[in-house]
Amino acid sequence: MHPAVSVIFFTVSSGAGFGLMTMIGLGLPLPGGLAAAFLIPALAGLLAVAGLIASTFHLGHPERAWRAFSQWRSSWLSREGVLAVITLVLFGFYTLIWMISGERLLWLGLPVAVGALLTVYTTSMIYAQLKTVPHWHTSLTPLCYLAFSLACGYVQAVALNGLTSSSSAPAGLAVVALAAAWGCKALWWRRAATTSLEAAGSTMESATGLGSIGRVRLFERPHTGENYLTREMVHVIGRKHAEKLRRIALLLGGALPLVITLAVWALGGSTLWLAMAFVFLMAGLFVERWLFFAEAEHAVSLYYGGRQA
């Protein structure tokens, strides 16, 4: 699949934003005061909304994005939009009360947290539902999306709390969150390595409908030039190149954040250092998400010669 920058930014940024909303809604310790009550939710909202806006740039007609809301009965994309709006509205009320009264109401925060997680889940299901993309069609896909969202949210919350707290204990749980997220991804990669279109029952014969006459091979591409399908559904990435990018993702998004959080936890340092861990985590996730799209094979690619397209 073509790794569009807008979709990569959307999934990473909105995941981090809704992850932070989840932590805020659950009542995790954060700095007090009017400035914190405005700026911290603003950060979560900015990440979430920026990602959602970026996703519209991948549409053929971004100005018609509002029409997606009407298909919530059958479309995970539509459900994501509806849930995102509901969650953002609830989060707006939560933030307003926090700013006015200085209180963080758990009875309102819990629906915000649930809504944020459901929004991330619907985002992941846009891809996990596709039987035509065997790499994505697994329960591990939403698990990875949710795990990374929670890890991003928790690392951000702990870093922000370091502005007023000297305790390094929360960094220990950040280590667990990061390790769990990348553990899920390792399982996803392990499954992907043994998954293929052929194993899922998609072959050149099934793609062309000519299996009844015997084995089919591509003699000539169906089109002399590029079209939407070849641009969006057919993308070839070398195995060595993919392995190199995977190591970069693990280094930036896994190893470096884990080293920082472990050092803060073990040495009793300020959790403000986790802000750097979050930056590395986001950088690693951009690489991870690029691979998520680039390595995925859509069944339609068989019609154009599969990996040789």
C-alpha atoms as a PDB file:
ATOM      1  CA  MET A   1       0.000   0.000   0.000  1.00  0.00           C
ATOM      2  CA  HIS A   2       1.155   3.550  -0.698  1.00  0.00           C
ATOM      3  CA  PRO A   3       2.404   5.147   2.579  1.00  0.00           C
ATOM      4  CA  ALA A   4       0.699   8.546   2.312  1.00  0.00           C
ATOM      5  CA  VAL A   5       2.247  11.153   4.628  1.00  0.00           C
ATOM      6  CA  SER A   6      -1.165  12.584   5.549  1.00  0.00           C
ATOM      7  CA  VAL A   7      -2.474   9.210   6.761  1.00  0.00           C
ATOM      8  CA  ILE A   8       0.740   8.426   8.634  1.00  0.00           C
ATOM      9  CA  PHE A   9       0.587  11.790  10.416  1.00  0.00           C
ATOM     10  CA  PHE A  10      -3.111  11.252  11.107  1.00  0.00           C
ATOM     11  CA  THR A  11      -2.734   7.858  12.788  1.00  0.00           C
ATOM     12  CA  VAL A  12       0.321   8.835  14.850  1.00  0.00           C
ATOM     13  CA  SER A  13      -0.726  12.346  15.910  1.00  0.00           C
ATOM     14  CA  SER A  14      -4.376  11.577  16.670  1.00  0.00           C
ATOM     15  CA  GLY A  15      -3.352   8.442  18.558  1.00  0.00           C
ATOM     16  CA  ALA A  16      -1.038  10.483  20.779  1.00  0.00           C
ATOM     17  CA  GLY A  17      -3.676  13.181  21.301  1.00  0.00           C
ATOM     18  CA  PHE A  18      -6.471  10.797  22.232  1.00  0.00           C
ATOM     19  CA  GLY A  19      -4.021   8.887  24.411  1.00  0.00           C
ATOM     20  CA  LEU A  20      -3.318  12.033  26.423  1.00  0.00           C
ATOM     21  CA  MET A  21      -7.064  12.737  26.628  1.00  0.00           C
ATOM     22  CA  THR A  22      -7.482   9.251  28.100  1.00  0.00           C
ATOM     23  CA  MET A  23      -4.908   9.953  30.799  1.00  0.00           C
ATOM     24  CA  ILE A  24      -6.445  13.347  31.597  1.00  0.00           C
ATOM     25  CA  GLY A  25      -9.918  11.824  31.798  1.00  0.00           C
ATOM     26  CA  LEU A  26      -8.721   9.023  34.080  1.00  0.00           C
ATOM     27  CA  GLY A  27      -7.458  11.646  36.505  1.00  0.00           C
ATOM     28  CA  LEU A  28      -3.714  11.031  36.304  1.00  0.00           C
ATOM     29  CA  PRO A  29      -1.747  13.589  38.379  1.00  0.00           C
ATOM     30  CA  LEU A  30      -1.050  16.795  36.446  1.00  0.00           C
ATOM     31  CA  PRO A  31      -0.004  20.346  37.370  1.00  0.00           C
ATOM     32  CA  GLY A  32      -2.758  22.539  38.800  1.00  0.00           C
ATOM     33  CA  GLY A  33      -3.719  26.112  38.039  1.00  0.00           C
ATOM     34  CA  LEU A  34      -5.550  27.902  35.264  1.00  0.00           C
ATOM     35  CA  ALA A  35      -2.630  27.820  32.816  1.00  0.00           C
ATOM     36  CA  ALA A  36      -2.228  24.045  33.154  1.00  0.00           C
ATOM     37  CA  ALA A  37      -6.000  23.529  32.870  1.00  0.00           C
ATOM     38  CA  PHE A  38      -5.895  25.311  29.511  1.00  0.00           C
ATOM     39  CA  LEU A  39      -2.538  24.339  28.021  1.00  0.00           C
ATOM     40  CA  ILE A  40      -2.502  20.603  28.804  1.00  0.00           C
ATOM     41  CA  PRO A  41      -5.930  19.881  27.261  1.00  0.00           C
ATOM     42  CA  ALA A  42      -4.942  22.208  24.404  1.00  0.00           C
ATOM     43  CA  LEU A  43      -1.936  19.973  23.686  1.00  0.00           C
ATOM     44  CA  ALA A  44      -4.115  16.861  23.623  1.00  0.00           C
ATOM     45  CA  GLY A  45      -6.707  18.564  21.442  1.00  0.00           C
ATOM     46  CA  LEU A  46      -4.097  19.963  19.073  1.00  0.00           C
ATOM     47  CA  LEU A  47      -2.524  16.552  18.487  1.00  0.00           C
ATOM     48  CA  ALA A  48      -5.894  14.885  17.960  1.00  0.00           C
ATOM     49  CA  VAL A  49      -7.429  17.566  15.741  1.00  0.00           C
ATOM     50  CA  ALA A  50      -4.253  18.076  13.693  1.00  0.00           C
ATOM     51  CA  GLY A  51      -4.244  14.368  12.919  1.00  0.00           C
ATOM     52  CA  LEU A  52      -7.917  14.336  11.990  1.00  0.00           C
ATOM     53  CA  ILE A  53      -7.508  17.343   9.712  1.00  0.00           C
ATOM     54  CA  ALA A  54      -4.452  15.770   8.069  1.00  0.00           C
ATOM     55  CA  SER A  55      -6.524  12.681   7.208  1.00  0.00           C
ATOM     56  CA  THR A  56      -8.843  14.758   5.002  1.00  0.00           C
ATOM     57  CA  PHE A  57      -5.941  15.625   2.684  1.00  0.00           C
ATOM     58  CA  HIS A  58      -5.894  12.007   1.545  1.00  0.00           C
ATOM     59  CA  LEU A  59      -9.457  12.279   0.285  1.00  0.00           C
ATOM     60  CA  GLY A  60     -10.131  12.980  -3.362  1.00  0.00           C
ATOM     61  CA  HIS A  61     -12.490  15.789  -2.338  1.00  0.00           C
ATOM     62  CA  PRO A  62     -11.618  17.001   1.194  1.00  0.00           C
ATOM     63  CA  GLU A  63     -14.489  19.479   1.065  1.00  0.00           C
ATOM     64  CA  ARG A  64     -16.906  16.533   1.094  1.00  0.00           C
ATOM     65  CA  ALA A  65     -15.444  14.947   4.234  1.00  0.00           C
ATOM     66  CA  TRP A  66     -18.577  15.882   6.206  1.00  0.00           C
ATOM     67  CA  ARG A  67     -20.558  13.345   4.179  1.00  0.00           C
ATOM     68  CA  ALA A  68     -18.669  10.506   5.848  1.00  0.00           C
ATOM     69  CA  PHE A  69     -20.606  11.102   9.067  1.00  0.00           C
ATOM     70  CA  SER A  70     -23.809   9.770   7.487  1.00  0.00           C
ATOM     71  CA  GLN A  71     -22.401   6.258   6.956  1.00  0.00           C
ATOM     72  CA  TRP A  72     -21.820   5.361  10.614  1.00  0.00           C
ATOM     73  CA  ARG A  73     -23.951   2.202  10.369  1.00  0.00           C
ATOM     74  CA  SER A  74     -21.553   0.513   7.952  1.00  0.00           C
ATOM     75  CA  SER A  75     -18.308   2.496   7.822  1.00  0.00           C
ATOM     76  CA  TRP A  76     -15.554   2.431  10.429  1.00  0.00           C
ATOM     77  CA  LEU A  77     -14.284   5.702   8.967  1.00  0.00           C
ATOM     78  CA  SER A  78     -17.654   7.302   9.653  1.00  0.00           C
ATOM     79  CA  ARG A  79     -17.803   5.831  13.161  1.00  0.00           C
ATOM     80  CA  GLU A  80     -14.380   7.261  13.839  1.00  0.00           C
ATOM     81  CA  GLY A  81     -15.552  10.736  12.808  1.00  0.00           C
ATOM     82  CA  VAL A  82     -18.706  10.553  14.931  1.00  0.00           C
ATOM     83  CA  LEU A  83     -16.845   9.274  17.999  1.00  0.00           C
ATOM     84  CA  ALA A  84     -14.081  11.855  17.562  1.00  0.00           C
ATOM     85  CA  VAL A  85     -16.611  14.716  17.555  1.00  0.00           C
ATOM     86  CA  ILE A  86     -18.486  13.347  20.592  1.00  0.00           C
ATOM     87  CA  THR A  87     -15.221  12.832  22.496  1.00  0.00           C
ATOM     88  CA  LEU A  88     -13.916  16.298  21.640  1.00  0.00           C
ATOM     89  CA  VAL A  89     -17.185  17.924  22.753  1.00  0.00           C
ATOM     90  CA  LEU A  90     -17.136  16.048  26.075  1.00  0.00           C
ATOM     91  CA  PHE A  91     -13.471  16.907  26.485  1.00  0.00           C
ATOM     92  CA  GLY A  92     -14.286  20.572  25.857  1.00  0.00           C
ATOM     93  CA  PHE A  93     -16.852  20.554  28.691  1.00  0.00           C
ATOM     94  CA  TYR A  94     -14.391  18.714  30.944  1.00  0.00           C
ATOM     95  CA  THR A  95     -11.690  21.305  30.234  1.00  0.00           C
ATOM     96  CA  LEU A  96     -14.059  24.239  30.776  1.00  0.00           C
ATOM     97  CA  ILE A  97     -15.094  22.921  34.196  1.00  0.00           C
ATOM     98  CA  TRP A  98     -11.462  22.273  35.086  1.00  0.00           C
ATOM     99  CA  MET A  99     -10.531  25.842  34.154  1.00  0.00           C
ATOM    100  CA  ILE A 100     -13.435  27.440  36.031  1.00  0.00           C
ATOM    101  CA  SER A 101     -13.527  25.349  39.199  1.00  0.00           C
ATOM    102  CA  GLY A 102     -10.046  23.853  39.293  1.00  0.00           C
ATOM    103  CA  GLU A 103     -11.646  20.412  39.676  1.00  0.00           C
ATOM    104  CA  ARG A 104     -11.262  17.418  37.399  1.00  0.00           C
ATOM    105  CA  LEU A 105     -14.576  15.592  37.502  1.00  0.00           C
ATOM    106  CA  LEU A 106     -14.074  11.840  37.253  1.00  0.00           C
ATOM    107  CA  TRP A 107     -17.705  11.203  36.297  1.00  0.00           C
ATOM    108  CA  LEU A 108     -17.138  13.314  33.177  1.00  0.00           C
ATOM    109  CA  GLY A 109     -13.518  12.262  32.670  1.00  0.00           C
ATOM    110  CA  LEU A 110     -14.355   8.564  32.392  1.00  0.00           C
ATOM    111  CA  PRO A 111     -16.662   9.035  29.362  1.00  0.00           C
ATOM    112  CA  VAL A 112     -13.920  11.180  27.796  1.00  0.00           C
ATOM    113  CA  ALA A 113     -11.374   8.389  28.330  1.00  0.00           C
ATOM    114  CA  VAL A 114     -13.729   5.735  26.958  1.00  0.00           C
ATOM    115  CA  GLY A 115     -14.590   7.910  23.956  1.00  0.00           C
ATOM    116  CA  ALA A 116     -10.918   8.573  23.224  1.00  0.00           C
ATOM    117  CA  LEU A 117     -10.054   4.874  23.302  1.00  0.00           C
ATOM    118  CA  LEU A 118     -13.060   3.977  21.162  1.00  0.00           C
ATOM    119  CA  THR A 119     -11.986   6.598  18.623  1.00  0.00           C
ATOM    120  CA  VAL A 120      -8.518   5.056  18.387  1.00  0.00           C
ATOM    121  CA  TYR A 121     -10.122   1.623  18.090  1.00  0.00           C
ATOM    122  CA  THR A 122     -12.321   2.733  15.192  1.00  0.00           C
ATOM    123  CA  THR A 123      -9.266   4.202  13.477  1.00  0.00           C
ATOM    124  CA  SER A 124      -7.500   0.848  13.717  1.00  0.00           C
ATOM    125  CA  MET A 125     -10.575  -0.999  12.458  1.00  0.00           C
ATOM    126  CA  ILE A 126     -10.508   0.998   9.218  1.00  0.00           C
ATOM    127  CA  TYR A 127      -7.492  -1.166   8.410  1.00  0.00           C
ATOM    128  CA  ALA A 128      -8.072  -4.315  10.495  1.00  0.00           C
ATOM    129  CA  GLN A 129     -11.428  -4.994   8.796  1.00  0.00           C
ATOM    130  CA  LEU A 130      -9.852  -5.373   5.346  1.00  0.00           C
ATOM    131  CA  LYS A 131      -9.677  -9.059   4.436  1.00  0.00           C
ATOM    132  CA  THR A 132      -8.007  -7.983   1.194  1.00  0.00           C
ATOM    133  CA  VAL A 133      -4.921  -6.885   3.184  1.00  0.00           C
ATOM    134  CA  PRO A 134      -3.815  -9.958   5.190  1.00  0.00           C
ATOM    135  CA  HIS A 135      -1.137  -8.036   7.132  1.00  0.00           C
ATOM    136  CA  TRP A 136      -3.783  -5.767   8.629  1.00  0.00           C
ATOM    137  CA  HIS A 137      -6.616  -8.265   9.037  1.00  0.00           C
ATOM    138  CA  THR A 138      -5.870  -9.320  12.612  1.00  0.00           C
ATOM    139  CA  SER A 139      -6.903  -8.413  16.145  1.00  0.00           C
ATOM    140  CA  LEU A 140      -3.275  -7.430  16.738  1.00  0.00           C
ATOM    141  CA  THR A 141      -3.806  -4.297  14.625  1.00  0.00           C
ATOM    142  CA  PRO A 142      -6.251  -2.587  17.029  1.00  0.00           C
ATOM    143  CA  LEU A 143      -4.215  -3.917  19.948  1.00  0.00           C
ATOM    144  CA  CYS A 144      -1.094  -2.163  18.610  1.00  0.00           C
ATOM    145  CA  TYR A 145      -2.957   1.077  17.910  1.00  0.00           C
ATOM    146  CA  LEU A 146      -4.428   1.156  21.422  1.00  0.00           C
ATOM    147  CA  ALA A 147      -1.156   0.159  23.102  1.00  0.00           C
ATOM    148  CA  PHE A 148       0.814   2.896  21.327  1.00  0.00           C
ATOM    149  CA  SER A 149      -1.901   5.470  22.026  1.00  0.00           C
ATOM    150  CA  LEU A 150      -1.889   4.639  25.746  1.00  0.00           C
ATOM    151  CA  ALA A 151       1.924   4.617  25.867  1.00  0.00           C
ATOM    152  CA  CYS A 152       2.106   8.026  24.157  1.00  0.00           C
ATOM    153  CA  GLY A 153      -0.563   9.438  26.452  1.00  0.00           C
ATOM    154  CA  TYR A 154       1.031   8.126  29.616  1.00  0.00           C
ATOM    155  CA  VAL A 155       4.543   9.285  28.719  1.00  0.00           C
ATOM    156  CA  GLN A 156       3.170  12.767  27.981  1.00  0.00           C
ATOM    157  CA  ALA A 157       1.188  12.896  31.234  1.00  0.00           C
ATOM    158  CA  VAL A 158       4.154  11.804  33.353  1.00  0.00           C
ATOM    159  CA  ALA A 159       6.439  14.313  31.612  1.00  0.00           C
ATOM    160  CA  LEU A 160       3.956  17.156  32.190  1.00  0.00           C
ATOM    161  CA  ASN A 161       3.503  16.187  35.836  1.00  0.00           C
ATOM    162  CA  GLY A 162       7.252  16.590  36.243  1.00  0.00           C
ATOM    163  CA  LEU A 163       6.704  20.361  36.080  1.00  0.00           C
ATOM    164  CA  THR A 164       5.404  20.330  39.654  1.00  0.00           C
ATOM    165  CA  SER A 165       6.276  16.870  41.030  1.00  0.00           C
ATOM    166  CA  SER A 166       9.675  15.502  41.988  1.00  0.00           C
ATOM    167  CA  SER A 167       8.577  11.858  42.163  1.00  0.00           C
ATOM    168  CA  SER A 168      10.214   9.514  39.671  1.00  0.00           C
ATOM    169  CA  ALA A 169       7.988   6.540  40.507  1.00  0.00           C
ATOM    170  CA  PRO A 170       5.571   7.063  37.554  1.00  0.00           C
ATOM    171  CA  ALA A 171       8.502   6.531  35.177  1.00  0.00           C
ATOM    172  CA  GLY A 172       8.462   2.864  36.189  1.00  0.00           C
ATOM    173  CA  LEU A 173       4.981   2.400  34.757  1.00  0.00           C
ATOM    174  CA  ALA A 174       6.078   4.284  31.637  1.00  0.00           C
ATOM    175  CA  VAL A 175       8.707   1.579  31.118  1.00  0.00           C
ATOM    176  CA  VAL A 176       5.967  -1.054  31.321  1.00  0.00           C
ATOM    177  CA  ALA A 177       3.718   0.871  28.903  1.00  0.00           C
ATOM    178  CA  LEU A 178       6.492   1.283  26.333  1.00  0.00           C
ATOM    179  CA  ALA A 179       7.627  -2.325  26.618  1.00  0.00           C
ATOM    180  CA  ALA A 180       4.043  -3.587  26.281  1.00  0.00           C
ATOM    181  CA  ALA A 181       3.373  -1.452  23.188  1.00  0.00           C
ATOM    182  CA  TRP A 182       6.486  -2.586  21.358  1.00  0.00           C
ATOM    183  CA  GLY A 183       5.873  -6.154  22.523  1.00  0.00           C
ATOM    184  CA  CYS A 184       2.506  -6.011  20.759  1.00  0.00           C
ATOM    185  CA  LYS A 185       4.198  -4.659  17.656  1.00  0.00           C
ATOM    186  CA  ALA A 186       6.793  -7.433  17.756  1.00  0.00           C
ATOM    187  CA  LEU A 187       3.937  -9.970  17.731  1.00  0.00           C
ATOM    188  CA  TRP A 188       2.342  -8.088  14.829  1.00  0.00           C
ATOM    189  CA  TRP A 189       5.593  -8.163  12.853  1.00  0.00           C
ATOM    190  CA  ARG A 190       6.076 -11.867  13.638  1.00  0.00           C
ATOM    191  CA  ARG A 191       2.613 -12.672  12.293  1.00  0.00           C
ATOM    192  CA  ALA A 192       3.121 -10.447   9.235  1.00  0.00           C
ATOM    193  CA  ALA A 193       6.305 -12.350   8.361  1.00  0.00           C
ATOM    194  CA  THR A 194       4.286 -15.548   7.929  1.00  0.00           C
ATOM    195  CA  THR A 195       1.264 -13.927   6.270  1.00  0.00           C
ATOM    196  CA  SER A 196       0.823 -13.468   2.543  1.00  0.00           C
ATOM    197  CA  LEU A 197      -1.888 -12.977  -0.028  1.00  0.00           C
ATOM    198  CA  GLU A 198      -1.483 -16.562  -1.204  1.00  0.00           C
ATOM    199  CA  ALA A 199      -1.814 -17.897   2.348  1.00  0.00           C
ATOM    200  CA  ALA A 200      -5.029 -15.866   2.679  1.00  0.00           C
ATOM    201  CA  GLY A 201      -6.411 -17.467  -0.490  1.00  0.00           C
ATOM    202  CA  SER A 202      -5.714 -14.641  -2.939  1.00  0.00           C
ATOM    203  CA  THR A 203      -3.779 -15.623  -6.056  1.00  0.00           C
ATOM    204  CA  MET A 204      -3.276 -14.393  -9.593  1.00  0.00           C
ATOM    205  CA  GLU A 205      -5.906 -16.918 -10.634  1.00  0.00           C
ATOM    206  CA  SER A 206      -8.509 -15.593  -8.177  1.00  0.00           C
ATOM    207  CA  ALA A 207      -7.664 -11.976  -9.006  1.00  0.00           C
ATOM    208  CA  THR A 208      -8.212 -12.454 -12.741  1.00  0.00           C
ATOM    209  CA  GLY A 209     -10.971 -15.061 -12.517  1.00  0.00           C
ATOM    210  CA  LEU A 210      -9.038 -17.263 -14.938  1.00  0.00           C
ATOM    211  CA  GLY A 211      -8.120 -20.042 -12.545  1.00  0.00           C
ATOM    212  CA  SER A 212     -10.381 -22.521 -14.348  1.00  0.00           C
ATOM    213  CA  ILE A 213      -8.010 -22.641 -17.319  1.00  0.00           C
ATOM    214  CA  GLY A 214      -4.887 -23.275 -15.247  1.00  0.00           C
ATOM    215  CA  ARG A 215      -1.989 -21.312 -13.799  1.00  0.00           C
ATOM    216  CA  VAL A 216      -1.992 -17.609 -14.696  1.00  0.00           C
ATOM    217  CA  ARG A 217       0.989 -15.316 -15.106  1.00  0.00           C
ATOM    218  CA  LEU A 218       1.206 -11.677 -16.092  1.00  0.00           C
ATOM    219  CA  PHE A 219       2.103 -11.168 -19.746  1.00  0.00           C
ATOM    220  CA  GLU A 220       1.566  -7.420 -19.841  1.00  0.00           C
ATOM    221  CA  ARG A 221       0.256  -4.864 -17.363  1.00  0.00           C
ATOM    222  CA  PRO A 222      -3.443  -3.957 -17.844  1.00  0.00           C
ATOM    223  CA  HIS A 223      -2.547  -0.267 -18.263  1.00  0.00           C
ATOM    224  CA  THR A 224       0.312   1.451 -20.046  1.00  0.00           C
ATOM    225  CA  GLY A 225       0.372   4.207 -17.406  1.00  0.00           C
ATOM    226  CA  GLU A 226      -0.350   4.702 -13.720  1.00  0.00           C
ATOM    227  CA  ASN A 227      -3.868   4.871 -12.311  1.00  0.00           C
ATOM    228  CA  TYR A 228      -5.461   5.218  -8.876  1.00  0.00           C
ATOM    229  CA  LEU A 229      -5.078   1.534  -8.035  1.00  0.00           C
ATOM    230  CA  THR A 230      -1.402   1.339  -8.949  1.00  0.00           C
ATOM    231  CA  ARG A 231      -0.683   4.567  -7.061  1.00  0.00           C
ATOM    232  CA  GLU A 232      -2.578   3.688  -3.881  1.00  0.00           C
ATOM    233  CA  MET A 233      -2.725  -0.114  -3.710  1.00  0.00           C
ATOM    234  CA  VAL A 234       0.592  -1.238  -5.198  1.00  0.00           C
ATOM    235  CA  HIS A 235       3.806  -0.320  -3.434  1.00  0.00           C
ATOM    236  CA  VAL A 236       7.015  -2.334  -3.476  1.00  0.00           C
ATOM    237  CA  ILE A 237       9.618  -2.080  -0.753  1.00  0.00           C
ATOM    238  CA  GLY A 238      12.817  -4.126  -0.639  1.00  0.00           C
ATOM    239  CA  ARG A 239      13.188  -6.566   2.245  1.00  0.00           C
ATOM    240  CA  LYS A 240      16.593  -5.172   3.269  1.00  0.00           C
ATOM    241  CA  HIS A 241      15.199  -1.647   3.195  1.00  0.00           C
ATOM    242  CA  ALA A 242      12.246  -2.704   5.349  1.00  0.00           C
ATOM    243  CA  GLU A 243      14.503  -4.426   7.878  1.00  0.00           C
ATOM    244  CA  LYS A 244      16.674  -1.329   8.135  1.00  0.00           C
ATOM    245  CA  LEU A 245      13.652   0.901   8.747  1.00  0.00           C
ATOM    246  CA  ARG A 246      12.336  -1.554  11.324  1.00  0.00           C
ATOM    247  CA  ARG A 247      15.594  -1.280  13.268  1.00  0.00           C
ATOM    248  CA  ILE A 248      15.381   2.523  13.062  1.00  0.00           C
ATOM    249  CA  ALA A 249      11.802   2.420  14.399  1.00  0.00           C
ATOM    250  CA  LEU A 250      12.851   0.175  17.278  1.00  0.00           C
ATOM    251  CA  LEU A 251      15.841   2.357  18.103  1.00  0.00           C
ATOM    252  CA  LEU A 252      14.023   5.698  17.990  1.00  0.00           C
ATOM    253  CA  GLY A 253      10.643   4.638  19.321  1.00  0.00           C
ATOM    254  CA  GLY A 254      11.632   1.771  21.585  1.00  0.00           C
ATOM    255  CA  ALA A 255      15.225   1.645  22.796  1.00  0.00           C
ATOM    256  CA  LEU A 256      15.868   5.369  23.371  1.00  0.00           C
ATOM    257  CA  PRO A 257      12.573   6.092  25.218  1.00  0.00           C
ATOM    258  CA  LEU A 258      13.102   2.969  27.340  1.00  0.00           C
ATOM    259  CA  VAL A 259      16.648   4.003  28.246  1.00  0.00           C
ATOM    260  CA  ILE A 260      15.468   7.483  29.254  1.00  0.00           C
ATOM    261  CA  THR A 261      12.531   6.250  31.325  1.00  0.00           C
ATOM    262  CA  LEU A 262      14.617   3.533  32.973  1.00  0.00           C
ATOM    263  CA  ALA A 263      17.305   6.074  33.875  1.00  0.00           C
ATOM    264  CA  VAL A 264      14.750   8.473  35.368  1.00  0.00           C
ATOM    265  CA  TRP A 265      13.108   5.680  37.349  1.00  0.00           C
ATOM    266  CA  ALA A 266      16.346   4.077  38.599  1.00  0.00           C
ATOM    267  CA  LEU A 267      18.267   7.284  39.316  1.00  0.00           C
ATOM    268  CA  GLY A 268      15.359   9.272  40.710  1.00  0.00           C
ATOM    269  CA  GLY A 269      15.593  12.010  38.102  1.00  0.00           C
ATOM    270  CA  SER A 270      12.917  14.464  37.040  1.00  0.00           C
ATOM    271  CA  THR A 271      10.161  13.008  34.893  1.00  0.00           C
ATOM    272  CA  LEU A 272      10.491  16.092  32.696  1.00  0.00           C
ATOM    273  CA  TRP A 273      13.105  14.016  30.878  1.00  0.00           C
ATOM    274  CA  LEU A 274      10.233  11.915  29.579  1.00  0.00           C
ATOM    275  CA  ALA A 275       9.393  14.794  27.238  1.00  0.00           C
ATOM    276  CA  MET A 276      12.502  13.780  25.301  1.00  0.00           C
ATOM    277  CA  ALA A 277      11.378  10.164  25.446  1.00  0.00           C
ATOM    278  CA  PHE A 278       8.047  11.229  23.925  1.00  0.00           C
ATOM    279  CA  VAL A 279       9.796  13.019  21.050  1.00  0.00           C
ATOM    280  CA  PHE A 280      11.835   9.904  20.255  1.00  0.00           C
ATOM    281  CA  LEU A 281       8.716   7.734  20.590  1.00  0.00           C
ATOM    282  CA  MET A 282       6.811   9.854  18.071  1.00  0.00           C
ATOM    283  CA  ALA A 283       9.740   9.776  15.643  1.00  0.00           C
ATOM    284  CA  GLY A 284       9.895   5.989  15.894  1.00  0.00           C
ATOM    285  CA  LEU A 285       6.151   5.694  15.402  1.00  0.00           C
ATOM    286  CA  PHE A 286       6.298   7.702  12.178  1.00  0.00           C
ATOM    287  CA  VAL A 287       8.776   5.134  10.826  1.00  0.00           C
ATOM    288  CA  GLU A 288       6.729   2.221  12.204  1.00  0.00           C
ATOM    289  CA  ARG A 289       3.546   3.559  10.646  1.00  0.00           C
ATOM    290  CA  TRP A 290       5.292   4.153   7.296  1.00  0.00           C
ATOM    291  CA  LEU A 291       6.217   0.469   7.284  1.00  0.00           C
ATOM    292  CA  PHE A 292       2.676  -0.464   8.349  1.00  0.00           C
ATOM    293  CA  PHE A 293       1.410   0.887   5.032  1.00  0.00           C
ATOM    294  CA  ALA A 294       4.420   0.222   2.793  1.00  0.00           C
ATOM    295  CA  GLU A 295       4.703  -3.491   3.611  1.00  0.00           C
ATOM    296  CA  ALA A 296       0.993  -4.222   3.308  1.00  0.00           C
ATOM    297  CA  GLU A 297      -0.100  -6.072   0.149  1.00  0.00           C
ATOM    298  CA  HIS A 298      -3.612  -5.499  -1.194  1.00  0.00           C
ATOM    299  CA  ALA A 299      -5.231  -8.321  -3.163  1.00  0.00           C
ATOM    300  CA  VAL A 300      -5.800  -5.975  -6.099  1.00  0.00           C
ATOM    301  CA  SER A 301      -2.014  -5.818  -6.598  1.00  0.00           C
ATOM    302  CA  LEU A 302      -2.159  -9.369  -7.963  1.00  0.00           C
ATOM    303  CA  TYR A 303      -4.043  -8.066 -10.976  1.00  0.00           C
ATOM    304  CA  TYR A 304      -1.022  -5.902 -11.704  1.00  0.00           C
ATOM    305  CA  GLY A 305       1.577  -8.563 -11.107  1.00  0.00           C
ATOM    306  CA  GLY A 306       1.810  -8.525  -7.302  1.00  0.00           C
ATOM    307  CA  ARG A 307       5.252  -7.773  -5.909  1.00  0.00           C
ATOM    308  CA  GLN A 308       6.580  -7.416  -9.432  1.00  0.00           C
ATOM    309  CA  ALA A 309       4.133  -4.614 -10.279  1.00  0.00           C
END
